Amino acid sequence: MPDSEPTDRAATAVKRALAMIQGLESKLAKAEQAARAPIAVVGIGCRFPGNVSNAAAYWRLMSEGRDAITEVPASRWDLDAYYDPDPDRQQFAE
């Protein structure tokens, strides 16, 4: 029966679409469940300028709007090797 071929193709397409929709619904449900999954912060460590060495001190610094920028300690690197007050001075040999 030649007229049933388009109907068969349409039925197959509908079945495929339904299977795809069901698969997407399953993926969506899993994603929504994962988005609602509880998390726990069990620890935090930090060290910032301004004598900030724990989360409470960091929060205080931020909530008070303090500026924690400090000079780079000389023990970290030799500032004079990298900085010159003359911005036009060529620092590296070509």
PDB file of N, CA and C in Angstrom:
ATOM      1  N   MET A   1       0.835  -1.180   0.000  1.00  0.00           N
ATOM      2  CA  MET A   1       0.000   0.000   0.000  1.00  0.00           C
ATOM      3  C   MET A   1       0.890   1.258   0.000  1.00  0.00           C
ATOM      4  N   PRO A   2       0.981   1.974  -1.103  1.00  0.00           N
ATOM      5  CA  PRO A   2       1.874   3.104  -1.228  1.00  0.00           C
ATOM      6  C   PRO A   2       1.504   4.292  -0.348  1.00  0.00           C
ATOM      7  N   ASP A   3       0.255   4.472  -0.021  1.00  0.00           N
ATOM      8  CA  ASP A   3      -0.159   5.623   0.790  1.00  0.00           C
ATOM      9  C   ASP A   3       0.248   5.504   2.250  1.00  0.00           C
ATOM     10  N   SER A   4       0.574   4.312   2.723  1.00  0.00           N
ATOM     11  CA  SER A   4       0.911   4.134   4.136  1.00  0.00           C
ATOM     12  C   SER A   4       2.358   4.541   4.424  1.00  0.00           C
ATOM     13  N   GLU A   5       3.198   4.646   3.390  1.00  0.00           N
ATOM     14  CA  GLU A   5       4.605   4.991   3.608  1.00  0.00           C
ATOM     15  C   GLU A   5       4.779   6.364   4.257  1.00  0.00           C
ATOM     16  N   PRO A   6       4.142   7.426   3.800  1.00  0.00           N
ATOM     17  CA  PRO A   6       4.264   8.728   4.490  1.00  0.00           C
ATOM     18  C   PRO A   6       3.746   8.662   5.919  1.00  0.00           C
ATOM     19  N   THR A   7       2.690   7.874   6.131  1.00  0.00           N
ATOM     20  CA  THR A   7       2.143   7.728   7.481  1.00  0.00           C
ATOM     21  C   THR A   7       3.145   7.014   8.383  1.00  0.00           C
ATOM     22  N   ASP A   8       3.810   5.993   7.857  1.00  0.00           N
ATOM     23  CA  ASP A   8       4.824   5.281   8.639  1.00  0.00           C
ATOM     24  C   ASP A   8       5.990   6.202   8.986  1.00  0.00           C
ATOM     25  N   ARG A   9       6.430   6.989   8.010  1.00  0.00           N
ATOM     26  CA  ARG A   9       7.528   7.927   8.274  1.00  0.00           C
ATOM     27  C   ARG A   9       7.124   8.969   9.311  1.00  0.00           C
ATOM     28  N   ALA A  10       5.907   9.445   9.222  1.00  0.00           N
ATOM     29  CA  ALA A  10       5.419  10.435  10.190  1.00  0.00           C
ATOM     30  C   ALA A  10       5.340   9.819  11.583  1.00  0.00           C
ATOM     31  N   ALA A  11       4.858   8.582  11.658  1.00  0.00           N
ATOM     32  CA  ALA A  11       4.761   7.915  12.959  1.00  0.00           C
ATOM     33  C   ALA A  11       6.147   7.694  13.553  1.00  0.00           C
ATOM     34  N   THR A  12       7.105   7.317  12.712  1.00  0.00           N
ATOM     35  CA  THR A  12       8.485   7.126  13.180  1.00  0.00           C
ATOM     36  C   THR A  12       9.067   8.447  13.673  1.00  0.00           C
ATOM     37  N   ALA A  13       8.820   9.512  12.944  1.00  0.00           N
ATOM     38  CA  ALA A  13       9.320  10.827  13.340  1.00  0.00           C
ATOM     39  C   ALA A  13       8.720  11.265  14.666  1.00  0.00           C
ATOM     40  N   VAL A  14       7.440  11.003  14.853  1.00  0.00           N
ATOM     41  CA  VAL A  14       6.765  11.357  16.109  1.00  0.00           C
ATOM     42  C   VAL A  14       7.355  10.553  17.254  1.00  0.00           C
ATOM     43  N   LYS A  15       7.595   9.262  17.032  1.00  0.00           N
ATOM     44  CA  LYS A  15       8.181   8.418  18.082  1.00  0.00           C
ATOM     45  C   LYS A  15       9.578   8.903  18.457  1.00  0.00           C
ATOM     46  N   ARG A  16      10.366   9.265  17.441  1.00  0.00           N
ATOM     47  CA  ARG A  16      11.709   9.787  17.716  1.00  0.00           C
ATOM     48  C   ARG A  16      11.636  11.093  18.498  1.00  0.00           C
ATOM     49  N   ALA A  17      10.746  11.966  18.097  1.00  0.00           N
ATOM     50  CA  ALA A  17      10.590  13.247  18.782  1.00  0.00           C
ATOM     51  C   ALA A  17      10.156  13.038  20.223  1.00  0.00           C
ATOM     52  N   LEU A  18       9.236  12.096  20.441  1.00  0.00           N
ATOM     53  CA  LEU A  18       8.771  11.808  21.793  1.00  0.00           C
ATOM     54  C   LEU A  18       9.912  11.252  22.642  1.00  0.00           C
ATOM     55  N   ALA A  19      10.705  10.347  22.073  1.00  0.00           N
ATOM     56  CA  ALA A  19      11.843   9.786  22.803  1.00  0.00           C
ATOM     57  C   ALA A  19      12.851  10.887  23.141  1.00  0.00           C
ATOM     58  N   MET A  20      13.065  11.803  22.200  1.00  0.00           N
ATOM     59  CA  MET A  20      13.989  12.907  22.440  1.00  0.00           C
ATOM     60  C   MET A  20      13.461  13.818  23.547  1.00  0.00           C
ATOM     61  N   ILE A  21      12.183  14.110  23.515  1.00  0.00           N
ATOM     62  CA  ILE A  21      11.569  14.960  24.545  1.00  0.00           C
ATOM     63  C   ILE A  21      11.687  14.305  25.913  1.00  0.00           C
ATOM     64  N   GLN A  22      11.427  13.007  25.978  1.00  0.00           N
ATOM     65  CA  GLN A  22      11.533  12.307  27.254  1.00  0.00           C
ATOM     66  C   GLN A  22      12.971  12.326  27.772  1.00  0.00           C
ATOM     67  N   GLY A  23      13.935  12.154  26.866  1.00  0.00           N
ATOM     68  CA  GLY A  23      15.345  12.220  27.268  1.00  0.00           C
ATOM     69  C   GLY A  23      15.712  13.603  27.776  1.00  0.00           C
ATOM     70  N   LEU A  24      15.230  14.636  27.099  1.00  0.00           N
ATOM     71  CA  LEU A  24      15.504  16.008  27.530  1.00  0.00           C
ATOM     72  C   LEU A  24      14.833  16.323  28.859  1.00  0.00           C
ATOM     73  N   GLU A  25      13.623  15.815  29.050  1.00  0.00           N
ATOM     74  CA  GLU A  25      12.937  16.025  30.331  1.00  0.00           C
ATOM     75  C   GLU A  25      13.725  15.385  31.464  1.00  0.00           C
ATOM     76  N   SER A  26      14.263  14.193  31.212  1.00  0.00           N
ATOM     77  CA  SER A  26      15.064  13.510  32.221  1.00  0.00           C
ATOM     78  C   SER A  26      16.330  14.301  32.545  1.00  0.00           C
ATOM     79  N   LYS A  27      17.007  14.800  31.507  1.00  0.00           N
ATOM     80  CA  LYS A  27      18.207  15.606  31.725  1.00  0.00           C
ATOM     81  C   LYS A  27      17.881  16.877  32.483  1.00  0.00           C
ATOM     82  N   LEU A  28      16.762  17.515  32.144  1.00  0.00           N
ATOM     83  CA  LEU A  28      16.352  18.734  32.827  1.00  0.00           C
ATOM     84  C   LEU A  28      16.062  18.462  34.297  1.00  0.00           C
ATOM     85  N   ALA A  29      15.374  17.380  34.576  1.00  0.00           N
ATOM     86  CA  ALA A  29      15.065  17.036  35.962  1.00  0.00           C
ATOM     87  C   ALA A  29      16.351  16.820  36.765  1.00  0.00           C
ATOM     88  N   LYS A  30      17.327  16.140  36.167  1.00  0.00           N
ATOM     89  CA  LYS A  30      18.604  15.916  36.861  1.00  0.00           C
ATOM     90  C   LYS A  30      19.338  17.233  37.087  1.00  0.00           C
ATOM     91  N   ALA A  31      19.321  18.113  36.084  1.00  0.00           N
ATOM     92  CA  ALA A  31      19.991  19.408  36.225  1.00  0.00           C
ATOM     93  C   ALA A  31      19.328  20.259  37.299  1.00  0.00           C
ATOM     94  N   GLU A  32      17.992  20.256  37.338  1.00  0.00           N
ATOM     95  CA  GLU A  32      17.289  21.025  38.359  1.00  0.00           C
ATOM     96  C   GLU A  32      17.570  20.467  39.742  1.00  0.00           C
ATOM     97  N   GLN A  33      17.640  19.160  39.867  1.00  0.00           N
ATOM     98  CA  GLN A  33      17.941  18.540  41.160  1.00  0.00           C
ATOM     99  C   GLN A  33      19.359  18.903  41.598  1.00  0.00           C
ATOM    100  N   ALA A  34      20.309  18.881  40.662  1.00  0.00           N
ATOM    101  CA  ALA A  34      21.685  19.230  40.994  1.00  0.00           C
ATOM    102  C   ALA A  34      21.798  20.695  41.410  1.00  0.00           C
ATOM    103  N   ALA A  35      20.991  21.559  40.789  1.00  0.00           N
ATOM    104  CA  ALA A  35      21.029  22.981  41.129  1.00  0.00           C
ATOM    105  C   ALA A  35      20.505  23.239  42.536  1.00  0.00           C
ATOM    106  N   ARG A  36      19.651  22.376  43.024  1.00  0.00           N
ATOM    107  CA  ARG A  36      19.094  22.541  44.372  1.00  0.00           C
ATOM    108  C   ARG A  36      19.869  21.764  45.414  1.00  0.00           C
ATOM    109  N   ALA A  37      20.879  21.021  45.000  1.00  0.00           N
ATOM    110  CA  ALA A  37      21.636  20.205  45.949  1.00  0.00           C
ATOM    111  C   ALA A  37      22.339  21.110  46.952  1.00  0.00           C
ATOM    112  N   PRO A  38      22.266  20.782  48.213  1.00  0.00           N
ATOM    113  CA  PRO A  38      22.930  21.614  49.225  1.00  0.00           C
ATOM    114  C   PRO A  38      24.451  21.473  49.132  1.00  0.00           C
ATOM    115  N   ILE A  39      25.135  22.549  49.483  1.00  0.00           N
ATOM    116  CA  ILE A  39      26.589  22.513  49.538  1.00  0.00           C
ATOM    117  C   ILE A  39      27.012  22.924  50.933  1.00  0.00           C
ATOM    118  N   ALA A  40      28.206  22.561  51.294  1.00  0.00           N
ATOM    119  CA  ALA A  40      28.732  22.937  52.607  1.00  0.00           C
ATOM    120  C   ALA A  40      30.149  23.457  52.431  1.00  0.00           C
ATOM    121  N   VAL A  41      30.414  24.624  52.967  1.00  0.00           N
ATOM    122  CA  VAL A  41      31.768  25.159  53.002  1.00  0.00           C
ATOM    123  C   VAL A  41      32.348  24.693  54.325  1.00  0.00           C
ATOM    124  N   VAL A  42      33.355  23.841  54.247  1.00  0.00           N
ATOM    125  CA  VAL A  42      33.887  23.250  55.478  1.00  0.00           C
ATOM    126  C   VAL A  42      35.176  23.914  55.939  1.00  0.00           C
ATOM    127  N   GLY A  43      35.706  24.783  55.114  1.00  0.00           N
ATOM    128  CA  GLY A  43      36.913  25.473  55.532  1.00  0.00           C
ATOM    129  C   GLY A  43      37.294  26.542  54.533  1.00  0.00           C
ATOM    130  N   ILE A  44      38.055  27.511  54.997  1.00  0.00           N
ATOM    131  CA  ILE A  44      38.529  28.575  54.122  1.00  0.00           C
ATOM    132  C   ILE A  44      39.863  29.044  54.677  1.00  0.00           C
ATOM    133  N   GLY A  45      40.753  29.321  53.785  1.00  0.00           N
ATOM    134  CA  GLY A  45      42.044  29.846  54.187  1.00  0.00           C
ATOM    135  C   GLY A  45      42.368  31.052  53.336  1.00  0.00           C
ATOM    136  N   CYS A  46      42.985  32.050  53.914  1.00  0.00           N
ATOM    137  CA  CYS A  46      43.338  33.222  53.142  1.00  0.00           C
ATOM    138  C   CYS A  46      44.466  33.982  53.818  1.00  0.00           C
ATOM    139  N   ARG A  47      45.161  34.735  52.998  1.00  0.00           N
ATOM    140  CA  ARG A  47      46.198  35.628  53.507  1.00  0.00           C
ATOM    141  C   ARG A  47      46.268  36.807  52.560  1.00  0.00           C
ATOM    142  N   PHE A  48      45.868  37.967  53.038  1.00  0.00           N
ATOM    143  CA  PHE A  48      45.831  39.170  52.228  1.00  0.00           C
ATOM    144  C   PHE A  48      46.559  40.292  52.962  1.00  0.00           C
ATOM    145  N   PRO A  49      46.908  41.351  52.220  1.00  0.00           N
ATOM    146  CA  PRO A  49      47.481  42.523  52.890  1.00  0.00           C
ATOM    147  C   PRO A  49      46.498  43.091  53.913  1.00  0.00           C
ATOM    148  N   GLY A  50      46.993  43.859  54.825  1.00  0.00           N
ATOM    149  CA  GLY A  50      46.136  44.472  55.833  1.00  0.00           C
ATOM    150  C   GLY A  50      45.932  43.570  57.032  1.00  0.00           C
ATOM    151  N   ASN A  51      46.854  42.647  57.244  1.00  0.00           N
ATOM    152  CA  ASN A  51      46.790  41.706  58.370  1.00  0.00           C
ATOM    153  C   ASN A  51      45.532  40.842  58.306  1.00  0.00           C
ATOM    154  N   VAL A  52      45.166  40.440  57.103  1.00  0.00           N
ATOM    155  CA  VAL A  52      44.000  39.590  56.896  1.00  0.00           C
ATOM    156  C   VAL A  52      44.483  38.152  56.747  1.00  0.00           C
ATOM    157  N   SER A  53      44.181  37.339  57.743  1.00  0.00           N
ATOM    158  CA  SER A  53      44.651  35.952  57.705  1.00  0.00           C
ATOM    159  C   SER A  53      43.536  34.947  57.952  1.00  0.00           C
ATOM    160  N   ASN A  54      42.293  35.431  58.017  1.00  0.00           N
ATOM    161  CA  ASN A  54      41.168  34.504  58.160  1.00  0.00           C
ATOM    162  C   ASN A  54      39.911  35.142  57.565  1.00  0.00           C
ATOM    163  N   ALA A  55      38.870  34.364  57.454  1.00  0.00           N
ATOM    164  CA  ALA A  55      37.648  34.833  56.797  1.00  0.00           C
ATOM    165  C   ALA A  55      36.997  36.007  57.531  1.00  0.00           C
ATOM    166  N   ALA A  56      37.025  35.982  58.851  1.00  0.00           N
ATOM    167  CA  ALA A  56      36.407  37.074  59.620  1.00  0.00           C
ATOM    168  C   ALA A  56      37.142  38.396  59.370  1.00  0.00           C
ATOM    169  N   ALA A  57      38.471  38.342  59.339  1.00  0.00           N
ATOM    170  CA  ALA A  57      39.244  39.560  59.084  1.00  0.00           C
ATOM    171  C   ALA A  57      39.021  40.054  57.652  1.00  0.00           C
ATOM    172  N   TYR A  58      38.898  39.126  56.720  1.00  0.00           N
ATOM    173  CA  TYR A  58      38.623  39.514  55.331  1.00  0.00           C
ATOM    174  C   TYR A  58      37.257  40.201  55.234  1.00  0.00           C
ATOM    175  N   TRP A  59      36.261  39.640  55.893  1.00  0.00           N
ATOM    176  CA  TRP A  59      34.925  40.241  55.858  1.00  0.00           C
ATOM    177  C   TRP A  59      34.945  41.636  56.489  1.00  0.00           C
ATOM    178  N   ARG A  60      35.664  41.783  57.603  1.00  0.00           N
ATOM    179  CA  ARG A  60      35.766  43.099  58.248  1.00  0.00           C
ATOM    180  C   ARG A  60      36.397  44.108  57.290  1.00  0.00           C
ATOM    181  N   LEU A  61      37.492  43.697  56.636  1.00  0.00           N
ATOM    182  CA  LEU A  61      38.175  44.577  55.691  1.00  0.00           C
ATOM    183  C   LEU A  61      37.226  45.029  54.587  1.00  0.00           C
ATOM    184  N   MET A  62      36.473  44.092  54.022  1.00  0.00           N
ATOM    185  CA  MET A  62      35.556  44.417  52.940  1.00  0.00           C
ATOM    186  C   MET A  62      34.387  45.267  53.422  1.00  0.00           C
ATOM    187  N   SER A  63      33.796  44.909  54.537  1.00  0.00           N
ATOM    188  CA  SER A  63      32.609  45.637  55.016  1.00  0.00           C
ATOM    189  C   SER A  63      32.952  47.050  55.486  1.00  0.00           C
ATOM    190  N   GLU A  64      34.185  47.239  55.954  1.00  0.00           N
ATOM    191  CA  GLU A  64      34.608  48.571  56.374  1.00  0.00           C
ATOM    192  C   GLU A  64      35.122  49.406  55.201  1.00  0.00           C
ATOM    193  N   GLY A  65      35.294  48.781  54.042  1.00  0.00           N
ATOM    194  CA  GLY A  65      35.774  49.499  52.863  1.00  0.00           C
ATOM    195  C   GLY A  65      37.202  49.985  52.984  1.00  0.00           C
ATOM    196  N   ARG A  66      37.996  49.272  53.784  1.00  0.00           N
ATOM    197  CA  ARG A  66      39.384  49.686  53.982  1.00  0.00           C
ATOM    198  C   ARG A  66      40.237  49.329  52.777  1.00  0.00           C
ATOM    199  N   ASP A  67      41.319  50.065  52.601  1.00  0.00           N
ATOM    200  CA  ASP A  67      42.292  49.815  51.551  1.00  0.00           C
ATOM    201  C   ASP A  67      43.428  49.007  52.155  1.00  0.00           C
ATOM    202  N   ALA A  68      43.693  47.837  51.634  1.00  0.00           N
ATOM    203  CA  ALA A  68      44.723  46.966  52.190  1.00  0.00           C
ATOM    204  C   ALA A  68      45.989  46.943  51.347  1.00  0.00           C
ATOM    205  N   ILE A  69      46.119  47.864  50.403  1.00  0.00           N
ATOM    206  CA  ILE A  69      47.308  47.888  49.551  1.00  0.00           C
ATOM    207  C   ILE A  69      48.504  48.333  50.383  1.00  0.00           C
ATOM    208  N   THR A  70      49.583  47.564  50.274  1.00  0.00           N
ATOM    209  CA  THR A  70      50.801  47.868  51.028  1.00  0.00           C
ATOM    210  C   THR A  70      52.000  47.765  50.089  1.00  0.00           C
ATOM    211  N   GLU A  71      53.131  48.193  50.563  1.00  0.00           N
ATOM    212  CA  GLU A  71      54.372  48.048  49.805  1.00  0.00           C
ATOM    213  C   GLU A  71      54.722  46.564  49.704  1.00  0.00           C
ATOM    214  N   VAL A  72      55.336  46.204  48.594  1.00  0.00           N
ATOM    215  CA  VAL A  72      55.796  44.826  48.431  1.00  0.00           C
ATOM    216  C   VAL A  72      56.969  44.616  49.375  1.00  0.00           C
ATOM    217  N   PRO A  73      56.932  43.571  50.185  1.00  0.00           N
ATOM    218  CA  PRO A  73      58.048  43.333  51.106  1.00  0.00           C
ATOM    219  C   PRO A  73      59.363  43.126  50.348  1.00  0.00           C
ATOM    220  N   ALA A  74      60.440  43.699  50.858  1.00  0.00           N
ATOM    221  CA  ALA A  74      61.755  43.572  50.218  1.00  0.00           C
ATOM    222  C   ALA A  74      62.188  42.111  50.143  1.00  0.00           C
ATOM    223  N   SER A  75      61.694  41.304  51.039  1.00  0.00           N
ATOM    224  CA  SER A  75      62.061  39.879  51.027  1.00  0.00           C
ATOM    225  C   SER A  75      61.437  39.142  49.847  1.00  0.00           C
ATOM    226  N   ARG A  76      60.408  39.719  49.235  1.00  0.00           N
ATOM    227  CA  ARG A  76      59.738  39.058  48.120  1.00  0.00           C
ATOM    228  C   ARG A  76      60.499  39.282  46.815  1.00  0.00           C
ATOM    229  N   TRP A  77      60.856  40.528  46.513  1.00  0.00           N
ATOM    230  CA  TRP A  77      61.707  40.816  45.356  1.00  0.00           C
ATOM    231  C   TRP A  77      62.301  42.201  45.498  1.00  0.00           C
ATOM    232  N   ASP A  78      63.361  42.434  44.738  1.00  0.00           N
ATOM    233  CA  ASP A  78      64.074  43.701  44.761  1.00  0.00           C
ATOM    234  C   ASP A  78      63.310  44.693  43.894  1.00  0.00           C
ATOM    235  N   LEU A  79      62.576  45.590  44.529  1.00  0.00           N
ATOM    236  CA  LEU A  79      61.748  46.554  43.808  1.00  0.00           C
ATOM    237  C   LEU A  79      62.578  47.425  42.877  1.00  0.00           C
ATOM    238  N   ASP A  80      63.782  47.813  43.304  1.00  0.00           N
ATOM    239  CA  ASP A  80      64.614  48.693  42.487  1.00  0.00           C
ATOM    240  C   ASP A  80      65.038  48.028  41.174  1.00  0.00           C
ATOM    241  N   ALA A  81      65.056  46.721  41.124  1.00  0.00           N
ATOM    242  CA  ALA A  81      65.415  46.025  39.889  1.00  0.00           C
ATOM    243  C   ALA A  81      64.300  46.102  38.856  1.00  0.00           C
ATOM    244  N   TYR A  82      63.075  46.411  39.298  1.00  0.00           N
ATOM    245  CA  TYR A  82      61.930  46.426  38.391  1.00  0.00           C
ATOM    246  C   TYR A  82      61.271  47.791  38.222  1.00  0.00           C
ATOM    247  N   TYR A  83      61.606  48.736  39.065  1.00  0.00           N
ATOM    248  CA  TYR A  83      60.917  50.031  39.031  1.00  0.00           C
ATOM    249  C   TYR A  83      61.917  51.150  38.853  1.00  0.00           C
ATOM    250  N   ASP A  84      61.561  52.085  37.979  1.00  0.00           N
ATOM    251  CA  ASP A  84      62.329  53.313  37.817  1.00  0.00           C
ATOM    252  C   ASP A  84      61.312  54.440  37.751  1.00  0.00           C
ATOM    253  N   PRO A  85      61.504  55.505  38.507  1.00  0.00           N
ATOM    254  CA  PRO A  85      60.524  56.600  38.485  1.00  0.00           C
ATOM    255  C   PRO A  85      60.430  57.291  37.124  1.00  0.00           C
ATOM    256  N   ASP A  86      61.460  57.123  36.255  1.00  0.00           N
ATOM    257  CA  ASP A  86      61.444  57.706  34.922  1.00  0.00           C
ATOM    258  C   ASP A  86      60.751  56.741  33.971  1.00  0.00           C
ATOM    259  N   PRO A  87      59.522  57.025  33.541  1.00  0.00           N
ATOM    260  CA  PRO A  87      58.783  56.093  32.690  1.00  0.00           C
ATOM    261  C   PRO A  87      59.367  55.941  31.291  1.00  0.00           C
ATOM    262  N   ASP A  88      60.244  56.899  30.873  1.00  0.00           N
ATOM    263  CA  ASP A  88      60.836  56.822  29.541  1.00  0.00           C
ATOM    264  C   ASP A  88      62.142  56.049  29.508  1.00  0.00           C
ATOM    265  N   ARG A  89      62.644  55.660  30.643  1.00  0.00           N
ATOM    266  CA  ARG A  89      63.907  54.937  30.698  1.00  0.00           C
ATOM    267  C   ARG A  89      63.735  53.532  30.137  1.00  0.00           C
ATOM    268  N   GLN A  90      64.642  53.172  29.232  1.00  0.00           N
ATOM    269  CA  GLN A  90      64.622  51.831  28.666  1.00  0.00           C
ATOM    270  C   GLN A  90      65.243  50.878  29.676  1.00  0.00           C
ATOM    271  N   GLN A  91      64.527  49.820  29.997  1.00  0.00           N
ATOM    272  CA  GLN A  91      65.007  48.937  31.044  1.00  0.00           C
ATOM    273  C   GLN A  91      65.728  47.710  30.515  1.00  0.00           C
ATOM    274  N   PHE A  92      65.409  47.294  29.315  1.00  0.00           N
ATOM    275  CA  PHE A  92      65.996  46.059  28.806  1.00  0.00           C
ATOM    276  C   PHE A  92      66.809  46.340  27.565  1.00  0.00           C
ATOM    277  N   ALA A  93      67.967  45.741  27.484  1.00  0.00           N
ATOM    278  CA  ALA A  93      68.813  45.900  26.311  1.00  0.00           C
ATOM    279  C   ALA A  93      68.185  45.186  25.129  1.00  0.00           C
ATOM    280  N   GLU A  94      68.299  45.799  23.961  1.00  0.00           N
ATOM    281  CA  GLU A  94      67.726  45.179  22.765  1.00  0.00           C
ATOM    282  C   GLU A  94      68.746  44.385  22.011  1.00  0.00           C
TER     283      GLU A  94
END
